[in-house]
Amino acid sequence: MNFKNLREYLAWLYYQYLLITGIYVLEPWEKSIFNSILFSAIAMVIYTSYVFVPIHVRLALEFFSGIFGGQPESTMALMN
């Protein structure tokens, strides 16, 4: 894929973004405010997922291992 095709593809994706969100009818300053809010919200969701999802997965694994017969860490420490 050469540079021209990549550039056309990115322009097509941007055009699709404008059409799907309906911001093609906005003025340039309204577009920038909308895009700033949208990308800030997406960045916050990604950051929150990065920080909190591993904690919840670990807690879920501990919970289900306790239900399905796994031994808690404190019992394992006493056995050694």
PDB file of N, CA and C in Angstrom:
ATOM      1  N   MET A   1       0.852  -1.175   0.000  1.00  0.00           N
ATOM      2  CA  MET A   1       0.000   0.000   0.000  1.00  0.00           C
ATOM      3  C   MET A   1       0.896   1.236   0.000  1.00  0.00           C
ATOM      4  N   ASN A   2       0.759   2.043  -1.007  1.00  0.00           N
ATOM      5  CA  ASN A   2       1.616   3.211  -1.076  1.00  0.00           C
ATOM      6  C   ASN A   2       1.000   4.385  -0.309  1.00  0.00           C
ATOM      7  N   PHE A   3       1.737   5.472  -0.268  1.00  0.00           N
ATOM      8  CA  PHE A   3       1.341   6.632   0.539  1.00  0.00           C
ATOM      9  C   PHE A   3       0.037   7.254   0.054  1.00  0.00           C
ATOM     10  N   LYS A   4      -0.166   7.301  -1.257  1.00  0.00           N
ATOM     11  CA  LYS A   4      -1.378   7.914  -1.796  1.00  0.00           C
ATOM     12  C   LYS A   4      -2.616   7.125  -1.392  1.00  0.00           C
ATOM     13  N   ASN A   5      -2.542   5.809  -1.474  1.00  0.00           N
ATOM     14  CA  ASN A   5      -3.678   4.980  -1.075  1.00  0.00           C
ATOM     15  C   ASN A   5      -3.961   5.116   0.420  1.00  0.00           C
ATOM     16  N   LEU A   6      -2.919   5.170   1.217  1.00  0.00           N
ATOM     17  CA  LEU A   6      -3.098   5.330   2.653  1.00  0.00           C
ATOM     18  C   LEU A   6      -3.743   6.670   2.969  1.00  0.00           C
ATOM     19  N   ARG A   7      -3.280   7.703   2.292  1.00  0.00           N
ATOM     20  CA  ARG A   7      -3.842   9.036   2.508  1.00  0.00           C
ATOM     21  C   ARG A   7      -5.317   9.076   2.099  1.00  0.00           C
ATOM     22  N   GLU A   8      -5.651   8.472   0.970  1.00  0.00           N
ATOM     23  CA  GLU A   8      -7.048   8.419   0.532  1.00  0.00           C
ATOM     24  C   GLU A   8      -7.906   7.611   1.498  1.00  0.00           C
ATOM     25  N   TYR A   9      -7.366   6.533   2.020  1.00  0.00           N
ATOM     26  CA  TYR A   9      -8.102   5.707   2.973  1.00  0.00           C
ATOM     27  C   TYR A   9      -8.365   6.474   4.264  1.00  0.00           C
ATOM     28  N   LEU A  10      -7.356   7.182   4.769  1.00  0.00           N
ATOM     29  CA  LEU A  10      -7.546   7.981   5.981  1.00  0.00           C
ATOM     30  C   LEU A  10      -8.547   9.114   5.745  1.00  0.00           C
ATOM     31  N   ALA A  11      -8.499   9.718   4.559  1.00  0.00           N
ATOM     32  CA  ALA A  11      -9.475  10.760   4.228  1.00  0.00           C
ATOM     33  C   ALA A  11     -10.875  10.175   4.164  1.00  0.00           C
ATOM     34  N   TRP A  12     -11.008   8.961   3.639  1.00  0.00           N
ATOM     35  CA  TRP A  12     -12.303   8.294   3.588  1.00  0.00           C
ATOM     36  C   TRP A  12     -12.813   7.983   4.996  1.00  0.00           C
ATOM     37  N   LEU A  13     -11.919   7.508   5.873  1.00  0.00           N
ATOM     38  CA  LEU A  13     -12.322   7.235   7.251  1.00  0.00           C
ATOM     39  C   LEU A  13     -12.773   8.500   7.970  1.00  0.00           C
ATOM     40  N   TYR A  14     -12.067   9.602   7.748  1.00  0.00           N
ATOM     41  CA  TYR A  14     -12.456  10.872   8.351  1.00  0.00           C
ATOM     42  C   TYR A  14     -13.807  11.330   7.824  1.00  0.00           C
ATOM     43  N   TYR A  15     -14.029  11.154   6.536  1.00  0.00           N
ATOM     44  CA  TYR A  15     -15.315  11.507   5.941  1.00  0.00           C
ATOM     45  C   TYR A  15     -16.433  10.659   6.539  1.00  0.00           C
ATOM     46  N   GLN A  16     -16.188   9.376   6.741  1.00  0.00           N
ATOM     47  CA  GLN A  16     -17.182   8.512   7.369  1.00  0.00           C
ATOM     48  C   GLN A  16     -17.467   8.960   8.798  1.00  0.00           C
ATOM     49  N   TYR A  17     -16.436   9.350   9.517  1.00  0.00           N
ATOM     50  CA  TYR A  17     -16.599   9.869  10.876  1.00  0.00           C
ATOM     51  C   TYR A  17     -17.478  11.115  10.872  1.00  0.00           C
ATOM     52  N   LEU A  18     -17.238  12.012   9.937  1.00  0.00           N
ATOM     53  CA  LEU A  18     -18.051  13.221   9.839  1.00  0.00           C
ATOM     54  C   LEU A  18     -19.506  12.894   9.548  1.00  0.00           C
ATOM     55  N   LEU A  19     -19.739  11.935   8.653  1.00  0.00           N
ATOM     56  CA  LEU A  19     -21.107  11.592   8.288  1.00  0.00           C
ATOM     57  C   LEU A  19     -21.844  10.857   9.400  1.00  0.00           C
ATOM     58  N   ILE A  20     -21.159   9.920  10.043  1.00  0.00           N
ATOM     59  CA  ILE A  20     -21.815   9.120  11.073  1.00  0.00           C
ATOM     60  C   ILE A  20     -22.173   9.969  12.282  1.00  0.00           C
ATOM     61  N   THR A  21     -21.272  10.835  12.691  1.00  0.00           N
ATOM     62  CA  THR A  21     -21.550  11.665  13.865  1.00  0.00           C
ATOM     63  C   THR A  21     -22.399  12.881  13.529  1.00  0.00           C
ATOM     64  N   GLY A  22     -22.495  13.226  12.261  1.00  0.00           N
ATOM     65  CA  GLY A  22     -23.301  14.365  11.856  1.00  0.00           C
ATOM     66  C   GLY A  22     -22.650  15.706  12.104  1.00  0.00           C
ATOM     67  N   ILE A  23     -21.346  15.722  12.333  1.00  0.00           N
ATOM     68  CA  ILE A  23     -20.692  16.998  12.621  1.00  0.00           C
ATOM     69  C   ILE A  23     -20.253  17.731  11.363  1.00  0.00           C
ATOM     70  N   TYR A  24     -20.551  17.172  10.205  1.00  0.00           N
ATOM     71  CA  TYR A  24     -20.208  17.869   8.968  1.00  0.00           C
ATOM     72  C   TYR A  24     -21.022  19.146   8.795  1.00  0.00           C
ATOM     73  N   VAL A  25     -22.144  19.273   9.531  1.00  0.00           N
ATOM     74  CA  VAL A  25     -22.978  20.469   9.423  1.00  0.00           C
ATOM     75  C   VAL A  25     -22.566  21.559  10.407  1.00  0.00           C
ATOM     76  N   LEU A  26     -21.619  21.261  11.280  1.00  0.00           N
ATOM     77  CA  LEU A  26     -21.206  22.233  12.286  1.00  0.00           C
ATOM     78  C   LEU A  26     -20.165  23.192  11.716  1.00  0.00           C
ATOM     79  N   GLU A  27     -20.043  24.318  12.382  1.00  0.00           N
ATOM     80  CA  GLU A  27     -18.996  25.262  12.024  1.00  0.00           C
ATOM     81  C   GLU A  27     -17.665  24.755  12.580  1.00  0.00           C
ATOM     82  N   PRO A  28     -16.550  25.272  12.051  1.00  0.00           N
ATOM     83  CA  PRO A  28     -15.238  24.753  12.494  1.00  0.00           C
ATOM     84  C   PRO A  28     -15.005  24.855  13.998  1.00  0.00           C
ATOM     85  N   TRP A  29     -15.409  25.942  14.647  1.00  0.00           N
ATOM     86  CA  TRP A  29     -15.181  26.046  16.086  1.00  0.00           C
ATOM     87  C   TRP A  29     -16.065  25.075  16.848  1.00  0.00           C
ATOM     88  N   GLU A  30     -17.246  24.775  16.329  1.00  0.00           N
ATOM     89  CA  GLU A  30     -18.116  23.782  16.971  1.00  0.00           C
ATOM     90  C   GLU A  30     -17.550  22.377  16.793  1.00  0.00           C
ATOM     91  N   LYS A  31     -16.971  22.105  15.631  1.00  0.00           N
ATOM     92  CA  LYS A  31     -16.332  20.811  15.396  1.00  0.00           C
ATOM     93  C   LYS A  31     -15.187  20.586  16.367  1.00  0.00           C
ATOM     94  N   SER A  32     -14.379  21.617  16.585  1.00  0.00           N
ATOM     95  CA  SER A  32     -13.226  21.448  17.476  1.00  0.00           C
ATOM     96  C   SER A  32     -13.680  21.215  18.911  1.00  0.00           C
ATOM     97  N   ILE A  33     -14.722  21.908  19.349  1.00  0.00           N
ATOM     98  CA  ILE A  33     -15.236  21.673  20.707  1.00  0.00           C
ATOM     99  C   ILE A  33     -15.798  20.262  20.825  1.00  0.00           C
ATOM    100  N   PHE A  34     -16.589  19.838  19.833  1.00  0.00           N
ATOM    101  CA  PHE A  34     -17.168  18.489  19.849  1.00  0.00           C
ATOM    102  C   PHE A  34     -16.078  17.426  19.865  1.00  0.00           C
ATOM    103  N   ASN A  35     -15.070  17.583  18.989  1.00  0.00           N
ATOM    104  CA  ASN A  35     -13.981  16.608  18.925  1.00  0.00           C
ATOM    105  C   ASN A  35     -13.180  16.582  20.216  1.00  0.00           C
ATOM    106  N   SER A  36     -12.962  17.751  20.819  1.00  0.00           N
ATOM    107  CA  SER A  36     -12.222  17.799  22.084  1.00  0.00           C
ATOM    108  C   SER A  36     -12.958  17.045  23.182  1.00  0.00           C
ATOM    109  N   ILE A  37     -14.253  17.253  23.278  1.00  0.00           N
ATOM    110  CA  ILE A  37     -15.046  16.564  24.303  1.00  0.00           C
ATOM    111  C   ILE A  37     -15.079  15.062  24.032  1.00  0.00           C
ATOM    112  N   LEU A  38     -15.288  14.689  22.767  1.00  0.00           N
ATOM    113  CA  LEU A  38     -15.357  13.273  22.407  1.00  0.00           C
ATOM    114  C   LEU A  38     -14.045  12.557  22.694  1.00  0.00           C
ATOM    115  N   PHE A  39     -12.941  13.132  22.251  1.00  0.00           N
ATOM    116  CA  PHE A  39     -11.656  12.464  22.457  1.00  0.00           C
ATOM    117  C   PHE A  39     -11.223  12.486  23.918  1.00  0.00           C
ATOM    118  N   SER A  40     -11.627  13.500  24.674  1.00  0.00           N
ATOM    119  CA  SER A  40     -11.356  13.498  26.119  1.00  0.00           C
ATOM    120  C   SER A  40     -12.121  12.379  26.803  1.00  0.00           C
ATOM    121  N   ALA A  41     -13.372  12.183  26.421  1.00  0.00           N
ATOM    122  CA  ALA A  41     -14.171  11.100  27.009  1.00  0.00           C
ATOM    123  C   ALA A  41     -13.587   9.741  26.650  1.00  0.00           C
ATOM    124  N   ILE A  42     -13.161   9.569  25.403  1.00  0.00           N
ATOM    125  CA  ILE A  42     -12.551   8.301  24.989  1.00  0.00           C
ATOM    126  C   ILE A  42     -11.247   8.058  25.741  1.00  0.00           C
ATOM    127  N   ALA A  43     -10.445   9.102  25.918  1.00  0.00           N
ATOM    128  CA  ALA A  43      -9.186   8.965  26.661  1.00  0.00           C
ATOM    129  C   ALA A  43      -9.450   8.585  28.117  1.00  0.00           C
ATOM    130  N   MET A  44     -10.486   9.168  28.721  1.00  0.00           N
ATOM    131  CA  MET A  44     -10.806   8.821  30.112  1.00  0.00           C
ATOM    132  C   MET A  44     -11.275   7.380  30.236  1.00  0.00           C
ATOM    133  N   VAL A  45     -12.049   6.905  29.260  1.00  0.00           N
ATOM    134  CA  VAL A  45     -12.506   5.511  29.293  1.00  0.00           C
ATOM    135  C   VAL A  45     -11.323   4.560  29.145  1.00  0.00           C
ATOM    136  N   ILE A  46     -10.412   4.871  28.243  1.00  0.00           N
ATOM    137  CA  ILE A  46      -9.243   4.010  28.044  1.00  0.00           C
ATOM    138  C   ILE A  46      -8.363   4.002  29.294  1.00  0.00           C
ATOM    139  N   TYR A  47      -8.127   5.162  29.882  1.00  0.00           N
ATOM    140  CA  TYR A  47      -7.298   5.237  31.079  1.00  0.00           C
ATOM    141  C   TYR A  47      -7.954   4.485  32.234  1.00  0.00           C
ATOM    142  N   THR A  48      -9.250   4.684  32.424  1.00  0.00           N
ATOM    143  CA  THR A  48      -9.953   4.010  33.507  1.00  0.00           C
ATOM    144  C   THR A  48      -9.926   2.498  33.309  1.00  0.00           C
ATOM    145  N   SER A  49     -10.095   2.056  32.074  1.00  0.00           N
ATOM    146  CA  SER A  49     -10.028   0.621  31.798  1.00  0.00           C
ATOM    147  C   SER A  49      -8.638   0.073  32.092  1.00  0.00           C
ATOM    148  N   TYR A  50      -7.617   0.828  31.741  1.00  0.00           N
ATOM    149  CA  TYR A  50      -6.241   0.395  31.972  1.00  0.00           C
ATOM    150  C   TYR A  50      -5.938   0.291  33.465  1.00  0.00           C
ATOM    151  N   VAL A  51      -6.497   1.194  34.258  1.00  0.00           N
ATOM    152  CA  VAL A  51      -6.186   1.220  35.682  1.00  0.00           C
ATOM    153  C   VAL A  51      -7.039   0.226  36.464  1.00  0.00           C
ATOM    154  N   PHE A  52      -8.341   0.164  36.192  1.00  0.00           N
ATOM    155  CA  PHE A  52      -9.237  -0.568  37.064  1.00  0.00           C
ATOM    156  C   PHE A  52      -9.613  -1.965  36.598  1.00  0.00           C
ATOM    157  N   VAL A  53      -9.526  -2.271  35.330  1.00  0.00           N
ATOM    158  CA  VAL A  53      -9.909  -3.605  34.862  1.00  0.00           C
ATOM    159  C   VAL A  53      -9.004  -4.690  35.442  1.00  0.00           C
ATOM    160  N   PRO A  54      -7.679  -4.530  35.467  1.00  0.00           N
ATOM    161  CA  PRO A  54      -6.857  -5.593  36.059  1.00  0.00           C
ATOM    162  C   PRO A  54      -7.191  -5.869  37.535  1.00  0.00           C
ATOM    163  N   ILE A  55      -7.523  -4.821  38.281  1.00  0.00           N
ATOM    164  CA  ILE A  55      -7.888  -5.014  39.685  1.00  0.00           C
ATOM    165  C   ILE A  55      -9.152  -5.849  39.784  1.00  0.00           C
ATOM    166  N   HIS A  56     -10.157  -5.531  38.972  1.00  0.00           N
ATOM    167  CA  HIS A  56     -11.413  -6.269  39.032  1.00  0.00           C
ATOM    168  C   HIS A  56     -11.257  -7.701  38.532  1.00  0.00           C
ATOM    169  N   VAL A  57     -10.408  -7.913  37.556  1.00  0.00           N
ATOM    170  CA  VAL A  57     -10.163  -9.279  37.082  1.00  0.00           C
ATOM    171  C   VAL A  57      -9.502 -10.098  38.178  1.00  0.00           C
ATOM    172  N   ARG A  58      -8.521  -9.510  38.872  1.00  0.00           N
ATOM    173  CA  ARG A  58      -7.860 -10.231  39.964  1.00  0.00           C
ATOM    174  C   ARG A  58      -8.849 -10.570  41.069  1.00  0.00           C
ATOM    175  N   LEU A  59      -9.702  -9.614  41.446  1.00  0.00           N
ATOM    176  CA  LEU A  59     -10.695  -9.868  42.486  1.00  0.00           C
ATOM    177  C   LEU A  59     -11.702 -10.926  42.057  1.00  0.00           C
ATOM    178  N   ALA A  60     -12.106 -10.904  40.788  1.00  0.00           N
ATOM    179  CA  ALA A  60     -13.038 -11.917  40.288  1.00  0.00           C
ATOM    180  C   ALA A  60     -12.390 -13.301  40.310  1.00  0.00           C
ATOM    181  N   LEU A  61     -11.122 -13.378  39.919  1.00  0.00           N
ATOM    182  CA  LEU A  61     -10.434 -14.672  39.950  1.00  0.00           C
ATOM    183  C   LEU A  61     -10.304 -15.198  41.372  1.00  0.00           C
ATOM    184  N   GLU A  62      -9.998 -14.322  42.318  1.00  0.00           N
ATOM    185  CA  GLU A  62      -9.927 -14.753  43.720  1.00  0.00           C
ATOM    186  C   GLU A  62     -11.285 -15.220  44.209  1.00  0.00           C
ATOM    187  N   PHE A  63     -12.334 -14.513  43.842  1.00  0.00           N
ATOM    188  CA  PHE A  63     -13.685 -14.877  44.266  1.00  0.00           C
ATOM    189  C   PHE A  63     -14.080 -16.240  43.721  1.00  0.00           C
ATOM    190  N   PHE A  64     -13.891 -16.436  42.405  1.00  0.00           N
ATOM    191  CA  PHE A  64     -14.316 -17.696  41.808  1.00  0.00           C
ATOM    192  C   PHE A  64     -13.402 -18.850  42.184  1.00  0.00           C
ATOM    193  N   SER A  65     -12.141 -18.598  42.451  1.00  0.00           N
ATOM    194  CA  SER A  65     -11.287 -19.690  42.903  1.00  0.00           C
ATOM    195  C   SER A  65     -11.689 -20.119  44.311  1.00  0.00           C
ATOM    196  N   GLY A  66     -12.171 -19.196  45.123  1.00  0.00           N
ATOM    197  CA  GLY A  66     -12.672 -19.554  46.451  1.00  0.00           C
ATOM    198  C   GLY A  66     -13.957 -20.351  46.376  1.00  0.00           C
ATOM    199  N   ILE A  67     -14.812 -20.038  45.435  1.00  0.00           N
ATOM    200  CA  ILE A  67     -16.081 -20.762  45.280  1.00  0.00           C
ATOM    201  C   ILE A  67     -15.846 -22.172  44.756  1.00  0.00           C
ATOM    202  N   PHE A  68     -14.969 -22.322  43.789  1.00  0.00           N
ATOM    203  CA  PHE A  68     -14.782 -23.600  43.117  1.00  0.00           C
ATOM    204  C   PHE A  68     -13.659 -24.434  43.709  1.00  0.00           C
ATOM    205  N   GLY A  69     -13.352 -24.257  44.983  1.00  0.00           N
ATOM    206  CA  GLY A  69     -12.444 -25.149  45.665  1.00  0.00           C
ATOM    207  C   GLY A  69     -11.005 -24.711  45.745  1.00  0.00           C
ATOM    208  N   GLY A  70     -10.673 -23.555  45.279  1.00  0.00           N
ATOM    209  CA  GLY A  70      -9.307 -23.077  45.430  1.00  0.00           C
ATOM    210  C   GLY A  70      -9.068 -22.671  46.879  1.00  0.00           C
ATOM    211  N   GLN A  71      -7.845 -22.792  47.319  1.00  0.00           N
ATOM    212  CA  GLN A  71      -7.555 -22.427  48.694  1.00  0.00           C
ATOM    213  C   GLN A  71      -7.090 -20.982  48.754  1.00  0.00           C
ATOM    214  N   PRO A  72      -7.506 -20.251  49.775  1.00  0.00           N
ATOM    215  CA  PRO A  72      -7.055 -18.866  49.907  1.00  0.00           C
ATOM    216  C   PRO A  72      -5.551 -18.791  50.137  1.00  0.00           C
ATOM    217  N   GLU A  73      -4.982 -17.663  49.875  1.00  0.00           N
ATOM    218  CA  GLU A  73      -3.531 -17.513  49.986  1.00  0.00           C
ATOM    219  C   GLU A  73      -3.053 -17.698  51.422  1.00  0.00           C
ATOM    220  N   SER A  74      -3.836 -17.288  52.414  1.00  0.00           N
ATOM    221  CA  SER A  74      -3.397 -17.403  53.803  1.00  0.00           C
ATOM    222  C   SER A  74      -3.277 -18.880  54.206  1.00  0.00           C
ATOM    223  N   THR A  75      -4.156 -19.740  53.722  1.00  0.00           N
ATOM    224  CA  THR A  75      -4.074 -21.158  54.032  1.00  0.00           C
ATOM    225  C   THR A  75      -2.853 -21.776  53.372  1.00  0.00           C
ATOM    226  N   MET A  76      -2.569 -21.356  52.171  1.00  0.00           N
ATOM    227  CA  MET A  76      -1.395 -21.877  51.462  1.00  0.00           C
ATOM    228  C   MET A  76      -0.114 -21.474  52.208  1.00  0.00           C
ATOM    229  N   ALA A  77      -0.079 -20.290  52.751  1.00  0.00           N
ATOM    230  CA  ALA A  77       1.106 -19.839  53.473  1.00  0.00           C
ATOM    231  C   ALA A  77       1.309 -20.669  54.746  1.00  0.00           C
ATOM    232  N   LEU A  78       0.201 -21.031  55.395  1.00  0.00           N
ATOM    233  CA  LEU A  78       0.321 -21.828  56.616  1.00  0.00           C
ATOM    234  C   LEU A  78       0.786 -23.257  56.315  1.00  0.00           C
ATOM    235  N   MET A  79       0.426 -23.782  55.155  1.00  0.00           N
ATOM    236  CA  MET A  79       0.802 -25.148  54.819  1.00  0.00           C
ATOM    237  C   MET A  79       2.294 -25.256  54.510  1.00  0.00           C
ATOM    238  N   ASN A  80       2.889 -24.189  54.013  1.00  0.00           N
ATOM    239  CA  ASN A  80       4.316 -24.236  53.678  1.00  0.00           C
ATOM    240  C   ASN A  80       5.084 -24.001  54.919  1.00  0.00           C
TER     241      ASN A  80
END
